[in-house]
Amino acid sequence: MTYTTDVVNEIKTTAHMSDEELGSEKPVEAAEDVIAPVEDPKVIKKIPPLTPIYWCEKMTATTFGETFADFFSQTLGFGYGATSTVLLSFFAVVLGGQLYVKSYWPNLFWLVMASSSVAGTLISDFIDRTLGWGSPLGMGVLLSILLVIIGIWKLTGESMNVAGAMTRKAEAFYWSTILVSNTLGTALGDFMSDSLDLGFGLSTGIIGGLLVICGILAYFTQVSHVLLFWVALC
């Protein structure tokens, strides 16, 4: 293609004009503001949003998990050793599947959630009854472990988002925290109902009230949703 001399001169003149002379309101060099952001391929949307349905399913999965663990270890008389070996192995397998997939699979997610509750119940019973530590000491150890995991998670710089998209590393921290918090929650429930002799009814009412308070704080205040999530989960 051939350009005339006038066209060439016009191109040269325009190339040396400043942004103000061109009438631009925004500097040309700020190109990153114009280019659409590219999504990080390592970030995967695999965690459901924290809706009321989520919490209903979470409580159902937790109840099922604790009942299932007690059924095998106590009702069927398999004992904590054999039951723990089998069910913790199952938890490890389904967790591996959850970490491997690249999208949100509802059935797999809730299977991992239920099996983490099973594992948490078994670990709590092992600490309390087999090791003989008792609920207060067991809860102290579990709370310390929980704080260490969250602290390391924070120090890695990974997002601490508890719903939606996260990297596999963040998801590994997420499930580790879920497992320890489920164990702590079981120990706390046993401590309230048995050690404090509050009974299951009153203990359930107190814990239910705390969940309602967490929900109110989440919807009507600026309190950290991440903090409220882990408090509610325990």
C-alpha atoms as a PDB file:
ATOM      1  CA  MET A   1       0.000   0.000   0.000  1.00  0.00           C
ATOM      2  CA  THR A   2       1.359   3.508  -0.942  1.00  0.00           C
ATOM      3  CA  TYR A   3       0.917   6.545   1.319  1.00  0.00           C
ATOM      4  CA  THR A   4       1.061  10.155   0.154  1.00  0.00           C
ATOM      5  CA  THR A   5       3.477  12.614   1.742  1.00  0.00           C
ATOM      6  CA  ASP A   6       0.638  14.397   3.557  1.00  0.00           C
ATOM      7  CA  VAL A   7      -0.544  11.162   5.169  1.00  0.00           C
ATOM      8  CA  VAL A   8       2.974  10.240   6.306  1.00  0.00           C
ATOM      9  CA  ASN A   9       3.473  13.678   7.868  1.00  0.00           C
ATOM     10  CA  GLU A  10       0.131  13.410   9.653  1.00  0.00           C
ATOM     11  CA  ILE A  11       1.131  10.061  11.151  1.00  0.00           C
ATOM     12  CA  LYS A  12       4.472  11.453  12.347  1.00  0.00           C
ATOM     13  CA  THR A  13       2.792  14.485  13.901  1.00  0.00           C
ATOM     14  CA  THR A  14       0.218  12.392  15.735  1.00  0.00           C
ATOM     15  CA  ALA A  15       2.863  10.005  17.057  1.00  0.00           C
ATOM     16  CA  HIS A  16       4.680  12.892  18.794  1.00  0.00           C
ATOM     17  CA  MET A  17       1.604  14.550  20.274  1.00  0.00           C
ATOM     18  CA  SER A  18       1.045  14.315  24.028  1.00  0.00           C
ATOM     19  CA  ASP A  19      -2.037  12.778  25.579  1.00  0.00           C
ATOM     20  CA  GLU A  20      -3.359  16.265  26.448  1.00  0.00           C
ATOM     21  CA  GLU A  21      -2.955  17.413  22.840  1.00  0.00           C
ATOM     22  CA  LEU A  22      -4.879  14.388  21.659  1.00  0.00           C
ATOM     23  CA  GLY A  23      -7.650  15.274  24.078  1.00  0.00           C
ATOM     24  CA  SER A  24      -7.288  12.033  26.027  1.00  0.00           C
ATOM     25  CA  GLU A  25      -8.635  12.057  29.571  1.00  0.00           C
ATOM     26  CA  LYS A  26      -6.588   8.987  30.504  1.00  0.00           C
ATOM     27  CA  PRO A  27      -2.849   8.369  29.873  1.00  0.00           C
ATOM     28  CA  VAL A  28      -2.150   5.880  27.154  1.00  0.00           C
ATOM     29  CA  GLU A  29       0.523   4.135  29.224  1.00  0.00           C
ATOM     30  CA  ALA A  30      -2.107   2.924  31.710  1.00  0.00           C
ATOM     31  CA  ALA A  31      -2.846   0.062  29.381  1.00  0.00           C
ATOM     32  CA  GLU A  32      -3.373  -2.388  32.192  1.00  0.00           C
ATOM     33  CA  ASP A  33      -6.555  -0.514  33.112  1.00  0.00           C
ATOM     34  CA  VAL A  34      -7.925  -1.046  29.649  1.00  0.00           C
ATOM     35  CA  ILE A  35      -6.981  -4.674  29.119  1.00  0.00           C
ATOM     36  CA  ALA A  36      -9.478  -7.115  30.600  1.00  0.00           C
ATOM     37  CA  PRO A  37      -7.989  -9.068  33.520  1.00  0.00           C
ATOM     38  CA  VAL A  38      -7.013 -12.650  32.808  1.00  0.00           C
ATOM     39  CA  GLU A  39      -8.340 -15.194  35.298  1.00  0.00           C
ATOM     40  CA  ASP A  40      -5.750 -17.233  37.188  1.00  0.00           C
ATOM     41  CA  PRO A  41      -6.061 -20.805  35.889  1.00  0.00           C
ATOM     42  CA  LYS A  42      -5.000 -22.093  39.330  1.00  0.00           C
ATOM     43  CA  VAL A  43      -8.112 -20.626  40.946  1.00  0.00           C
ATOM     44  CA  ILE A  44     -11.027 -23.044  40.735  1.00  0.00           C
ATOM     45  CA  LYS A  45     -14.636 -22.513  41.783  1.00  0.00           C
ATOM     46  CA  LYS A  46     -15.274 -25.634  43.853  1.00  0.00           C
ATOM     47  CA  ILE A  47     -16.895 -24.417  47.078  1.00  0.00           C
ATOM     48  CA  PRO A  48     -20.630 -23.559  47.264  1.00  0.00           C
ATOM     49  CA  PRO A  49     -21.830 -20.134  48.455  1.00  0.00           C
ATOM     50  CA  LEU A  50     -22.683 -19.704  52.131  1.00  0.00           C
ATOM     51  CA  THR A  51     -26.457 -19.649  51.819  1.00  0.00           C
ATOM     52  CA  PRO A  52     -29.045 -20.938  54.340  1.00  0.00           C
ATOM     53  CA  ILE A  53     -29.219 -24.106  52.234  1.00  0.00           C
ATOM     54  CA  TYR A  54     -25.473 -24.584  52.732  1.00  0.00           C
ATOM     55  CA  TRP A  55     -25.833 -24.447  56.512  1.00  0.00           C
ATOM     56  CA  CYS A  56     -28.815 -26.816  56.498  1.00  0.00           C
ATOM     57  CA  GLU A  57     -26.845 -29.315  54.437  1.00  0.00           C
ATOM     58  CA  LYS A  58     -23.787 -28.796  56.660  1.00  0.00           C
ATOM     59  CA  MET A  59     -25.738 -29.584  59.829  1.00  0.00           C
ATOM     60  CA  THR A  60     -27.284 -32.623  58.160  1.00  0.00           C
ATOM     61  CA  ALA A  61     -23.882 -33.885  57.016  1.00  0.00           C
ATOM     62  CA  THR A  62     -22.411 -33.324  60.483  1.00  0.00           C
ATOM     63  CA  THR A  63     -25.260 -35.133  62.231  1.00  0.00           C
ATOM     64  CA  PHE A  64     -25.056 -38.020  59.787  1.00  0.00           C
ATOM     65  CA  GLY A  65     -21.284 -38.252  60.170  1.00  0.00           C
ATOM     66  CA  GLU A  66     -21.322 -38.393  63.956  1.00  0.00           C
ATOM     67  CA  THR A  67     -24.175 -40.937  64.010  1.00  0.00           C
ATOM     68  CA  PHE A  68     -22.467 -43.064  61.377  1.00  0.00           C
ATOM     69  CA  ALA A  69     -19.186 -43.145  63.288  1.00  0.00           C
ATOM     70  CA  ASP A  70     -20.877 -44.060  66.589  1.00  0.00           C
ATOM     71  CA  PHE A  71     -22.939 -46.750  64.835  1.00  0.00           C
ATOM     72  CA  PHE A  72     -19.851 -48.572  63.573  1.00  0.00           C
ATOM     73  CA  SER A  73     -17.610 -48.087  66.600  1.00  0.00           C
ATOM     74  CA  GLN A  74     -20.165 -48.619  69.376  1.00  0.00           C
ATOM     75  CA  THR A  75     -23.410 -50.198  68.129  1.00  0.00           C
ATOM     76  CA  LEU A  76     -21.735 -52.743  65.853  1.00  0.00           C
ATOM     77  CA  GLY A  77     -18.838 -53.108  68.270  1.00  0.00           C
ATOM     78  CA  PHE A  78     -16.033 -52.701  65.737  1.00  0.00           C
ATOM     79  CA  GLY A  79     -14.112 -50.497  68.156  1.00  0.00           C
ATOM     80  CA  TYR A  80     -12.371 -47.185  67.525  1.00  0.00           C
ATOM     81  CA  GLY A  81      -9.227 -48.723  66.057  1.00  0.00           C
ATOM     82  CA  ALA A  82     -10.774 -50.682  63.176  1.00  0.00           C
ATOM     83  CA  THR A  83     -13.507 -48.116  62.538  1.00  0.00           C
ATOM     84  CA  SER A  84     -11.001 -45.258  62.469  1.00  0.00           C
ATOM     85  CA  THR A  85      -8.706 -47.069  60.041  1.00  0.00           C
ATOM     86  CA  VAL A  86     -11.483 -47.810  57.553  1.00  0.00           C
ATOM     87  CA  LEU A  87     -13.379 -44.519  57.726  1.00  0.00           C
ATOM     88  CA  LEU A  88     -10.307 -42.280  57.849  1.00  0.00           C
ATOM     89  CA  SER A  89      -8.997 -44.086  54.777  1.00  0.00           C
ATOM     90  CA  PHE A  90     -12.318 -43.453  53.062  1.00  0.00           C
ATOM     91  CA  PHE A  91     -12.094 -39.775  54.003  1.00  0.00           C
ATOM     92  CA  ALA A  92      -8.585 -39.571  52.528  1.00  0.00           C
ATOM     93  CA  VAL A  93      -9.784 -41.125  49.247  1.00  0.00           C
ATOM     94  CA  VAL A  94     -12.797 -38.840  48.748  1.00  0.00           C
ATOM     95  CA  LEU A  95     -10.736 -35.805  49.801  1.00  0.00           C
ATOM     96  CA  GLY A  96      -8.164 -36.717  47.168  1.00  0.00           C
ATOM     97  CA  GLY A  97     -10.969 -36.810  44.612  1.00  0.00           C
ATOM     98  CA  GLN A  98     -12.269 -33.415  45.741  1.00  0.00           C
ATOM     99  CA  LEU A  99      -8.818 -31.857  45.431  1.00  0.00           C
ATOM    100  CA  TYR A 100      -8.320 -33.409  42.003  1.00  0.00           C
ATOM    101  CA  VAL A 101     -11.512 -32.292  40.245  1.00  0.00           C
ATOM    102  CA  LYS A 102     -11.527 -28.933  38.492  1.00  0.00           C
ATOM    103  CA  SER A 103     -15.104 -27.852  39.143  1.00  0.00           C
ATOM    104  CA  TYR A 104     -17.761 -27.962  41.831  1.00  0.00           C
ATOM    105  CA  TRP A 105     -19.269 -31.452  42.152  1.00  0.00           C
ATOM    106  CA  PRO A 106     -22.056 -31.146  44.762  1.00  0.00           C
ATOM    107  CA  ASN A 107     -22.285 -34.865  45.563  1.00  0.00           C
ATOM    108  CA  LEU A 108     -18.527 -35.194  45.993  1.00  0.00           C
ATOM    109  CA  PHE A 109     -18.263 -32.014  48.054  1.00  0.00           C
ATOM    110  CA  TRP A 110     -20.927 -33.098  50.532  1.00  0.00           C
ATOM    111  CA  LEU A 111     -19.534 -36.621  50.667  1.00  0.00           C
ATOM    112  CA  VAL A 112     -16.214 -35.138  51.775  1.00  0.00           C
ATOM    113  CA  MET A 113     -18.021 -32.889  54.271  1.00  0.00           C
ATOM    114  CA  ALA A 114     -19.915 -35.848  55.768  1.00  0.00           C
ATOM    115  CA  SER A 115     -16.818 -38.057  55.894  1.00  0.00           C
ATOM    116  CA  SER A 116     -14.853 -35.233  57.565  1.00  0.00           C
ATOM    117  CA  SER A 117     -17.514 -35.229  60.275  1.00  0.00           C
ATOM    118  CA  VAL A 118     -17.109 -38.998  60.618  1.00  0.00           C
ATOM    119  CA  ALA A 119     -13.345 -38.569  60.886  1.00  0.00           C
ATOM    120  CA  GLY A 120     -13.735 -35.720  63.381  1.00  0.00           C
ATOM    121  CA  THR A 121     -15.982 -37.815  65.611  1.00  0.00           C
ATOM    122  CA  LEU A 122     -13.547 -40.729  65.574  1.00  0.00           C
ATOM    123  CA  ILE A 123     -10.543 -38.519  66.343  1.00  0.00           C
ATOM    124  CA  SER A 124     -12.423 -36.789  69.174  1.00  0.00           C
ATOM    125  CA  ASP A 125     -13.460 -40.122  70.727  1.00  0.00           C
ATOM    126  CA  PHE A 126      -9.923 -41.442  70.327  1.00  0.00           C
ATOM    127  CA  ILE A 127      -8.476 -38.422  72.154  1.00  0.00           C
ATOM    128  CA  ASP A 128     -11.090 -38.524  74.916  1.00  0.00           C
ATOM    129  CA  ARG A 129     -11.504 -42.256  75.539  1.00  0.00           C
ATOM    130  CA  THR A 130      -8.492 -44.083  74.131  1.00  0.00           C
ATOM    131  CA  LEU A 131      -5.793 -41.571  75.040  1.00  0.00           C
ATOM    132  CA  GLY A 132      -7.705 -40.574  78.156  1.00  0.00           C
ATOM    133  CA  TRP A 133      -6.978 -36.879  77.801  1.00  0.00           C
ATOM    134  CA  GLY A 134     -10.512 -35.840  78.627  1.00  0.00           C
ATOM    135  CA  SER A 135     -12.558 -33.126  76.922  1.00  0.00           C
ATOM    136  CA  PRO A 136     -10.877 -29.983  78.375  1.00  0.00           C
ATOM    137  CA  LEU A 137      -7.343 -31.027  77.441  1.00  0.00           C
ATOM    138  CA  GLY A 138      -8.481 -32.448  74.108  1.00  0.00           C
ATOM    139  CA  MET A 139     -10.285 -29.216  73.216  1.00  0.00           C
ATOM    140  CA  GLY A 140      -7.237 -27.182  74.175  1.00  0.00           C
ATOM    141  CA  VAL A 141      -4.983 -29.249  71.930  1.00  0.00           C
ATOM    142  CA  LEU A 142      -7.472 -29.146  69.040  1.00  0.00           C
ATOM    143  CA  LEU A 143      -7.965 -25.388  69.361  1.00  0.00           C
ATOM    144  CA  SER A 144      -4.190 -24.907  69.284  1.00  0.00           C
ATOM    145  CA  ILE A 145      -3.904 -27.048  66.148  1.00  0.00           C
ATOM    146  CA  LEU A 146      -6.759 -25.130  64.541  1.00  0.00           C
ATOM    147  CA  LEU A 147      -5.100 -21.777  65.231  1.00  0.00           C
ATOM    148  CA  VAL A 148      -1.764 -23.044  63.890  1.00  0.00           C
ATOM    149  CA  ILE A 149      -3.369 -24.227  60.623  1.00  0.00           C
ATOM    150  CA  ILE A 150      -5.196 -20.926  60.136  1.00  0.00           C
ATOM    151  CA  GLY A 151      -2.014 -19.012  60.974  1.00  0.00           C
ATOM    152  CA  ILE A 152       0.061 -20.936  58.427  1.00  0.00           C
ATOM    153  CA  TRP A 153      -2.742 -20.519  55.876  1.00  0.00           C
ATOM    154  CA  LYS A 154      -2.633 -16.762  56.460  1.00  0.00           C
ATOM    155  CA  LEU A 155       1.161 -16.616  56.181  1.00  0.00           C
ATOM    156  CA  THR A 156       1.196 -18.421  52.830  1.00  0.00           C
ATOM    157  CA  GLY A 157      -0.645 -15.496  51.259  1.00  0.00           C
ATOM    158  CA  GLU A 158      -3.354 -17.781  49.910  1.00  0.00           C
ATOM    159  CA  SER A 159      -6.868 -16.375  49.871  1.00  0.00           C
ATOM    160  CA  MET A 160      -8.798 -17.262  53.013  1.00  0.00           C
ATOM    161  CA  ASN A 161     -12.093 -17.101  51.159  1.00  0.00           C
ATOM    162  CA  VAL A 162     -14.411 -19.816  52.482  1.00  0.00           C
ATOM    163  CA  ALA A 163     -16.730 -19.979  49.488  1.00  0.00           C
ATOM    164  CA  GLY A 164     -16.466 -19.855  45.720  1.00  0.00           C
ATOM    165  CA  ALA A 165     -13.035 -19.948  44.074  1.00  0.00           C
ATOM    166  CA  MET A 166      -9.701 -20.950  45.587  1.00  0.00           C
ATOM    167  CA  THR A 167      -6.441 -22.606  44.614  1.00  0.00           C
ATOM    168  CA  ARG A 168      -5.746 -26.253  45.416  1.00  0.00           C
ATOM    169  CA  LYS A 169      -3.308 -25.186  48.137  1.00  0.00           C
ATOM    170  CA  ALA A 170      -5.959 -22.988  49.747  1.00  0.00           C
ATOM    171  CA  GLU A 171      -8.480 -25.804  49.422  1.00  0.00           C
ATOM    172  CA  ALA A 172      -6.088 -28.177  51.212  1.00  0.00           C
ATOM    173  CA  PHE A 173      -5.943 -25.684  54.097  1.00  0.00           C
ATOM    174  CA  TYR A 174      -9.731 -25.352  53.926  1.00  0.00           C
ATOM    175  CA  TRP A 175     -10.321 -29.081  54.374  1.00  0.00           C
ATOM    176  CA  SER A 176      -7.632 -29.396  57.036  1.00  0.00           C
ATOM    177  CA  THR A 177      -9.372 -26.674  59.001  1.00  0.00           C
ATOM    178  CA  ILE A 178     -12.746 -28.323  58.395  1.00  0.00           C
ATOM    179  CA  LEU A 179     -11.458 -31.631  59.793  1.00  0.00           C
ATOM    180  CA  VAL A 180      -9.961 -30.071  62.937  1.00  0.00           C
ATOM    181  CA  SER A 181     -12.999 -27.837  63.521  1.00  0.00           C
ATOM    182  CA  ASN A 182     -15.330 -30.846  63.193  1.00  0.00           C
ATOM    183  CA  THR A 183     -13.201 -32.700  65.738  1.00  0.00           C
ATOM    184  CA  LEU A 184     -13.240 -29.697  68.055  1.00  0.00           C
ATOM    185  CA  GLY A 185     -17.004 -29.332  67.627  1.00  0.00           C
ATOM    186  CA  THR A 186     -17.574 -32.964  68.599  1.00  0.00           C
ATOM    187  CA  ALA A 187     -15.347 -32.591  71.648  1.00  0.00           C
ATOM    188  CA  LEU A 188     -17.178 -29.395  72.643  1.00  0.00           C
ATOM    189  CA  GLY A 189     -20.575 -31.074  72.280  1.00  0.00           C
ATOM    190  CA  ASP A 190     -19.496 -34.032  74.431  1.00  0.00           C
ATOM    191  CA  PHE A 191     -18.027 -31.678  77.013  1.00  0.00           C
ATOM    192  CA  MET A 192     -21.226 -29.646  77.286  1.00  0.00           C
ATOM    193  CA  SER A 193     -23.622 -32.582  77.356  1.00  0.00           C
ATOM    194  CA  ASP A 194     -21.579 -35.020  79.483  1.00  0.00           C
ATOM    195  CA  SER A 195     -18.872 -33.216  81.474  1.00  0.00           C
ATOM    196  CA  LEU A 196     -21.024 -30.171  82.280  1.00  0.00           C
ATOM    197  CA  ASP A 197     -24.105 -32.409  82.522  1.00  0.00           C
ATOM    198  CA  LEU A 198     -26.205 -30.009  80.445  1.00  0.00           C
ATOM    199  CA  GLY A 199     -27.797 -32.806  78.458  1.00  0.00           C
ATOM    200  CA  PHE A 200     -28.238 -33.011  74.705  1.00  0.00           C
ATOM    201  CA  GLY A 201     -31.340 -30.796  74.614  1.00  0.00           C
ATOM    202  CA  LEU A 202     -29.874 -27.795  76.414  1.00  0.00           C
ATOM    203  CA  SER A 203     -26.510 -28.206  74.670  1.00  0.00           C
ATOM    204  CA  THR A 204     -28.231 -28.234  71.289  1.00  0.00           C
ATOM    205  CA  GLY A 205     -30.191 -25.102  72.214  1.00  0.00           C
ATOM    206  CA  ILE A 206     -27.060 -23.225  73.274  1.00  0.00           C
ATOM    207  CA  ILE A 207     -25.154 -24.192  70.130  1.00  0.00           C
ATOM    208  CA  GLY A 208     -28.177 -23.346  67.971  1.00  0.00           C
ATOM    209  CA  GLY A 209     -28.368 -19.933  69.613  1.00  0.00           C
ATOM    210  CA  LEU A 210     -24.700 -19.300  68.857  1.00  0.00           C
ATOM    211  CA  LEU A 211     -25.311 -20.190  65.206  1.00  0.00           C
ATOM    212  CA  VAL A 212     -28.186 -17.695  65.049  1.00  0.00           C
ATOM    213  CA  ILE A 213     -25.952 -15.004  66.563  1.00  0.00           C
ATOM    214  CA  CYS A 214     -23.250 -15.742  63.991  1.00  0.00           C
ATOM    215  CA  GLY A 215     -25.834 -15.457  61.217  1.00  0.00           C
ATOM    216  CA  ILE A 216     -27.080 -12.101  62.496  1.00  0.00           C
ATOM    217  CA  LEU A 217     -23.541 -10.760  62.792  1.00  0.00           C
ATOM    218  CA  ALA A 218     -22.739 -11.959  59.273  1.00  0.00           C
ATOM    219  CA  TYR A 219     -25.745 -10.254  57.665  1.00  0.00           C
ATOM    220  CA  PHE A 220     -25.994  -7.056  59.691  1.00  0.00           C
ATOM    221  CA  THR A 221     -22.469  -6.184  60.861  1.00  0.00           C
ATOM    222  CA  GLN A 222     -18.960  -5.798  59.473  1.00  0.00           C
ATOM    223  CA  VAL A 223     -17.520  -8.644  61.546  1.00  0.00           C
ATOM    224  CA  SER A 224     -15.204 -10.842  59.461  1.00  0.00           C
ATOM    225  CA  HIS A 225     -17.208 -13.482  57.625  1.00  0.00           C
ATOM    226  CA  VAL A 226     -14.200 -15.792  57.686  1.00  0.00           C
ATOM    227  CA  LEU A 227     -14.043 -15.591  61.494  1.00  0.00           C
ATOM    228  CA  LEU A 228     -17.792 -16.127  61.848  1.00  0.00           C
ATOM    229  CA  PHE A 229     -17.653 -19.061  59.441  1.00  0.00           C
ATOM    230  CA  TRP A 230     -15.097 -20.977  61.508  1.00  0.00           C
ATOM    231  CA  VAL A 231     -16.832 -20.109  64.793  1.00  0.00           C
ATOM    232  CA  ALA A 232     -20.119 -21.396  63.391  1.00  0.00           C
ATOM    233  CA  LEU A 233     -18.470 -24.482  61.959  1.00  0.00           C
ATOM    234  CA  CYS A 234     -17.086 -25.579  65.318  1.00  0.00           C
END
